Protein backbone atom coordinates (compact mmCIF):
# COMPACT_ATOMS: atom_id res chain seq x y z
CA UNK A 1 -41.55 -0.73 28.75
CA UNK A 2 -41.49 1.29 25.75
CA UNK A 3 -43.08 -0.04 22.23
CA UNK A 4 -41.48 -0.79 19.24
CA UNK A 5 -41.64 -0.81 15.60
CA UNK A 6 -39.44 -3.16 13.60
CA UNK A 7 -39.57 -1.57 10.23
CA UNK A 8 -38.22 -3.76 7.33
CA UNK A 9 -37.37 -1.99 4.03
CA UNK A 10 -37.72 -5.42 0.88
CA UNK A 11 -37.81 -5.70 -2.60
CA UNK A 12 -37.54 -9.71 -3.92
CA UNK A 13 -36.63 -10.98 -0.60
CA UNK A 14 -38.74 -14.07 -0.94
CA UNK A 15 -35.41 -16.00 0.27
CA UNK A 16 -35.01 -13.82 3.67
CA UNK A 17 -38.72 -12.43 4.71
CA UNK A 18 -40.03 -15.03 6.87
CA UNK A 19 -36.60 -15.51 8.92
CA UNK A 20 -36.11 -11.63 8.97
CA UNK A 21 -39.80 -11.10 10.47
CA UNK A 22 -39.32 -14.00 13.06
CA UNK A 23 -36.44 -12.57 14.17
CA UNK A 24 -38.02 -9.34 15.51
CA UNK A 25 -41.29 -10.85 16.60
CA UNK A 26 -40.71 -9.24 20.12
CA UNK A 27 -41.74 -5.82 18.23
CA UNK A 28 -45.13 -4.64 19.05
CA UNK A 29 -45.47 -3.81 15.09
CA UNK A 30 -43.45 -5.18 12.15
CA UNK A 31 -44.03 -2.69 9.58
CA UNK A 32 -42.73 -4.05 5.86
CA UNK A 33 -42.16 -1.59 3.57
CA UNK A 34 -42.21 -3.59 -0.08
CA UNK A 35 -40.86 -1.87 -3.33
CA UNK A 36 -43.49 -3.75 -5.57
CA UNK A 37 -41.84 -7.33 -5.18
CA UNK A 38 -42.61 -9.87 -8.06
CA UNK A 39 -41.53 -13.05 -6.00
CA UNK A 40 -44.04 -13.75 -3.46
CA UNK A 41 -42.27 -11.37 -0.58
CA UNK A 42 -45.15 -9.01 -0.58
CA UNK A 43 -47.86 -11.72 -0.10
CA UNK A 44 -45.73 -13.65 2.67
CA UNK A 45 -45.06 -10.43 4.22
CA UNK A 46 -48.64 -9.32 4.38
CA UNK A 47 -49.56 -12.89 5.67
CA UNK A 48 -46.27 -12.48 8.48
CA UNK A 49 -46.07 -9.08 9.46
CA UNK A 50 -48.25 -6.50 11.14
CA UNK A 51 -48.52 -4.12 8.42
CA UNK A 52 -47.16 -3.43 4.80
CA UNK A 53 -46.98 -0.36 2.68
CA UNK A 54 -45.70 -0.31 -0.65
CA UNK A 55 -43.61 2.23 -2.94
CA UNK A 56 -41.42 2.45 -5.80
CA UNK A 57 -37.88 2.11 -5.05
CA UNK A 58 -35.61 5.04 -5.83
CA UNK A 59 -32.45 4.58 -3.75
CA UNK A 60 -32.48 3.42 0.02
CA UNK A 61 -31.82 6.49 1.76
CA UNK A 62 -35.32 7.96 0.21
CA UNK A 63 -36.99 4.99 0.84
CA UNK A 64 -36.05 4.92 4.26
CA UNK A 65 -37.28 8.40 4.92
CA UNK A 66 -40.43 8.00 3.47
CA UNK A 67 -40.86 5.03 5.87
CA UNK A 68 -39.43 6.49 9.10
CA UNK A 69 -42.52 9.01 9.89
CA UNK A 70 -44.99 6.15 9.25
CA UNK A 71 -44.15 3.87 12.37
CA UNK A 72 -46.59 3.79 14.41
CA UNK A 73 -44.03 3.73 17.72
CA UNK A 74 -41.41 6.48 18.78
CA UNK A 75 -38.34 3.44 19.10
CA UNK A 76 -37.65 1.89 15.82
CA UNK A 77 -35.31 -0.90 15.03
CA UNK A 78 -34.53 -0.91 11.28
CA UNK A 79 -33.36 -4.06 10.10
CA UNK A 80 -32.66 -5.31 6.57
CA UNK A 81 -33.78 -8.39 4.76
CA UNK A 82 -30.22 -10.15 4.85
CA UNK A 83 -30.08 -9.59 8.64
CA UNK A 84 -31.28 -10.93 11.83
CA UNK A 85 -31.79 -10.43 15.54
CA UNK A 86 -29.83 -12.56 17.39
CA UNK A 87 -31.07 -13.85 20.70
CA UNK A 88 -28.13 -11.78 22.78
CA UNK A 89 -29.17 -8.82 20.85
CA UNK A 90 -33.05 -9.47 21.30
CA UNK A 91 -32.19 -9.40 24.96
CA UNK A 92 -30.03 -6.16 25.07
CA UNK A 93 -32.94 -4.24 23.13
CA UNK A 94 -35.85 -5.40 25.55
CA UNK A 95 -33.57 -4.06 28.28
CA UNK A 96 -33.08 -0.85 26.64
CA UNK A 97 -36.87 -0.20 26.06
CA UNK A 98 -37.26 -1.42 29.70
CA UNK A 99 -35.53 1.78 31.11
CA UNK A 100 -34.49 3.80 28.14
CA UNK A 101 -31.78 6.81 28.75
CA UNK A 102 -33.54 9.94 28.30
CA UNK A 103 -30.25 11.25 26.76
CA UNK A 104 -29.74 8.80 24.29
CA UNK A 105 -31.94 8.92 21.08
CA UNK A 106 -30.41 6.45 18.85
CA UNK A 107 -27.89 2.98 18.98
CA UNK A 108 -25.53 1.66 17.21
CA UNK A 109 -25.48 -2.28 16.26
CA UNK A 110 -22.63 -4.32 15.06
CA UNK A 111 -22.80 -6.66 12.52
CA UNK A 112 -21.47 -10.15 12.45
CA UNK A 113 -20.82 -10.19 8.87
CA UNK A 114 -20.86 -13.33 6.80
CA UNK A 115 -19.80 -13.86 2.78
CA UNK A 116 -19.73 -17.01 0.69
CA UNK A 117 -20.65 -19.13 3.38
CA UNK A 118 -18.03 -18.17 6.00
CA UNK A 119 -17.40 -15.45 8.77
CA UNK A 120 -15.51 -12.63 7.83
CA UNK A 121 -13.58 -11.58 10.50
CA UNK A 122 -11.11 -9.19 8.99
CA UNK A 123 -11.25 -7.64 5.45
CA UNK A 124 -12.29 -3.93 6.59
CA UNK A 125 -15.33 -5.41 7.89
CA UNK A 126 -14.68 -6.48 11.36
CA UNK A 127 -15.62 -3.12 13.03
CA UNK A 128 -18.55 -2.65 10.80
CA UNK A 129 -21.87 -0.80 12.23
CA UNK A 130 -24.87 0.82 11.74
CA UNK A 131 -27.21 2.93 13.30
CA UNK A 132 -30.75 1.05 13.27
CA UNK A 133 -32.27 1.12 16.85
CA UNK A 134 -33.22 4.94 17.12
CA UNK A 135 -36.09 7.40 17.75
CA UNK A 136 -38.32 8.26 14.89
CA UNK A 137 -38.67 11.69 15.35
CA UNK A 138 -35.16 12.34 15.88
CA UNK A 139 -33.29 10.50 13.19
CA UNK A 140 -33.44 10.71 9.67
CA UNK A 141 -31.16 8.99 6.83
CA UNK A 142 -28.28 11.40 4.91
CA UNK A 143 -30.05 11.97 1.23
CA UNK A 144 -27.46 10.20 -0.32
CA UNK A 145 -27.38 7.16 -2.93
CA UNK A 146 -24.99 4.76 -1.09
CA UNK A 147 -23.45 4.58 2.18
CA UNK A 148 -26.34 6.18 3.67
CA UNK A 149 -26.13 6.35 7.45
CA UNK A 150 -28.56 8.05 10.28
CA UNK A 151 -28.15 11.26 11.17
CA UNK A 152 -29.21 11.68 14.94
CA UNK A 153 -30.16 14.96 16.53
CA UNK A 154 -29.19 14.02 19.98
CA UNK A 155 -26.56 11.35 21.39
CA UNK A 156 -25.67 7.91 20.10
CA UNK A 157 -25.01 5.06 22.46
CA UNK A 158 -23.61 1.61 21.01
CA UNK A 159 -25.17 -1.54 21.60
CA UNK A 160 -22.64 -4.85 22.94
CA UNK A 161 -24.39 -7.41 21.00
CA UNK A 162 -24.79 -7.23 16.81
CA UNK A 163 -26.67 -8.19 13.75
CA UNK A 164 -25.98 -11.63 12.41
CA UNK A 165 -25.49 -10.43 8.40
CA UNK A 166 -25.18 -12.42 5.43
CA UNK A 167 -25.20 -9.98 2.39
CA UNK A 168 -24.31 -13.27 -0.04
CA UNK A 169 -26.91 -15.13 -2.02
CA UNK A 170 -24.74 -16.00 -5.06
CA UNK A 171 -21.82 -14.57 -6.67
CA UNK A 172 -23.64 -13.55 -9.86
CA UNK A 173 -26.27 -11.39 -7.29
CA UNK A 174 -23.60 -10.19 -5.21
CA UNK A 175 -22.00 -8.99 -8.82
CA UNK A 176 -25.25 -7.32 -9.98
CA UNK A 177 -25.63 -5.73 -6.42
CA UNK A 178 -21.81 -3.96 -6.76
CA UNK A 179 -22.85 -2.89 -10.18
CA UNK A 180 -26.12 -1.47 -9.14
CA UNK A 181 -24.34 0.40 -6.40
CA UNK A 182 -21.83 1.87 -8.77
CA UNK A 183 -24.08 3.52 -10.49
CA UNK A 184 -25.63 4.46 -7.74
CA UNK A 185 -22.05 6.33 -6.02
CA UNK A 186 -21.53 7.68 -9.61
CA UNK A 187 -24.71 10.17 -8.86
CA UNK A 188 -22.91 10.74 -5.74
CA UNK A 189 -19.42 11.22 -6.84
CA UNK A 190 -20.53 13.62 -9.83
CA UNK A 191 -21.88 16.15 -7.06
CA UNK A 192 -18.35 16.79 -5.66
CA UNK A 193 -15.81 15.02 -7.28
CA UNK A 194 -13.36 17.08 -10.66
CA UNK A 195 -11.79 15.51 -13.31
CA UNK A 196 -11.45 11.75 -13.87
CA UNK A 197 -7.95 10.80 -14.27
CA UNK A 198 -6.04 7.31 -15.00
CA UNK A 199 -5.47 7.64 -10.88
CA UNK A 200 -9.06 6.65 -10.70
CA UNK A 201 -9.22 3.83 -12.88
CA UNK A 202 -5.78 2.58 -12.27
CA UNK A 203 -4.06 3.59 -8.39
CA UNK A 204 -7.50 3.77 -6.34
CA UNK A 205 -9.01 0.05 -7.59
CA UNK A 206 -5.51 -1.14 -6.49
CA UNK A 207 -5.86 0.79 -3.40
CA UNK A 208 -8.89 -0.66 -2.39
CA UNK A 209 -7.49 -4.18 -2.93
CA UNK A 210 -4.21 -3.38 -1.04
CA UNK A 211 -6.13 -2.08 1.76
CA UNK A 212 -8.73 -4.96 2.26
CA UNK A 213 -6.49 -7.50 1.69
CA UNK A 214 -3.32 -6.56 3.22
CA UNK A 215 -3.97 -3.18 5.45
CA UNK A 216 -6.84 -4.63 7.19
CA UNK A 217 -5.78 -8.31 7.51
CA UNK A 218 -7.93 -10.07 4.61
CA UNK A 219 -5.41 -12.64 4.26
CA UNK A 220 -6.65 -13.79 7.41
CA UNK A 221 -9.51 -14.27 6.16
CA UNK A 222 -8.15 -17.13 3.50
CA UNK A 223 -9.80 -17.17 0.01
CA UNK A 224 -13.12 -15.51 1.02
CA UNK A 225 -10.72 -12.47 2.45
CA UNK A 226 -8.70 -12.54 -1.37
CA UNK A 227 -11.83 -12.39 -2.92
CA UNK A 228 -13.41 -9.69 -1.03
CA UNK A 229 -10.30 -7.56 -1.84
CA UNK A 230 -10.82 -8.32 -5.53
CA UNK A 231 -14.25 -7.38 -5.63
CA UNK A 232 -13.95 -4.01 -3.77
CA UNK A 233 -10.97 -3.11 -6.09
CA UNK A 234 -13.68 -4.06 -9.23
CA UNK A 235 -15.99 -2.15 -7.11
CA UNK A 236 -14.13 0.79 -7.15
CA UNK A 237 -13.34 0.41 -10.98
CA UNK A 238 -16.67 0.37 -11.79
CA UNK A 239 -17.61 3.15 -9.55
CA UNK A 240 -15.46 5.61 -12.16
CA UNK A 241 -16.40 3.78 -15.12
CA UNK A 242 -20.17 4.62 -14.25
CA UNK A 243 -19.31 8.24 -13.66
CA UNK A 244 -17.38 8.59 -16.69
CA UNK A 245 -20.49 7.19 -18.53
CA UNK A 246 -23.10 9.51 -16.35
CA UNK A 247 -20.80 12.20 -17.46
CA UNK A 248 -21.06 11.22 -21.35
CA UNK A 249 -24.80 10.80 -21.18
CA UNK A 250 -24.60 6.85 -21.68
CA UNK A 251 -25.44 5.50 -18.40
């Protein structure tokens, strides 16, 4: 069986750290990458993980690309603190590592998303998937601030089972996260976008809500689906506000 490093990037995740580490207890190395947490995450990680390394956080892709080469084993399972490996996913990963396909260097893993205490079945999150099981020397993250994804030098397969994913802690914390991501997205968009117009402040946010709530059946998720659609509109609006501020040197 191929050996596995579970790589967990964290920052002030004391409410998640024990459970996420427990969910990857089948890994041969559990490597936690801590961005100088102040809530006890670092101390708890030292207690529970195989190895803990620290680095100041800049943006997600930068942190992950720095950490990947430091994994001891070629196969890496990268898991965020708000995700969990289910028993079914664990069994599937173990089977792959027992007899890996030599033509595949990475695997997509779907996510069962939860928000505000409810399972989200639609709202644009239905087919959510990420490349998280991969070979260390064949993969790296695209160097962008938001929505970074693995660039694989080879074929990518897909696993049948999914992560459990709960990105929600409190509503206020989620709004803070959206604002943080809007600031990062503004930097990405500044490199590739022309002038900002009323279209970006009015039509784009409305389209974000319409797409998630109507076209992607968010209404079938009830009030949670409506909230996701509204927050999507807010996130799009804030992206362009932050871009406007960035270009005015006021961000």
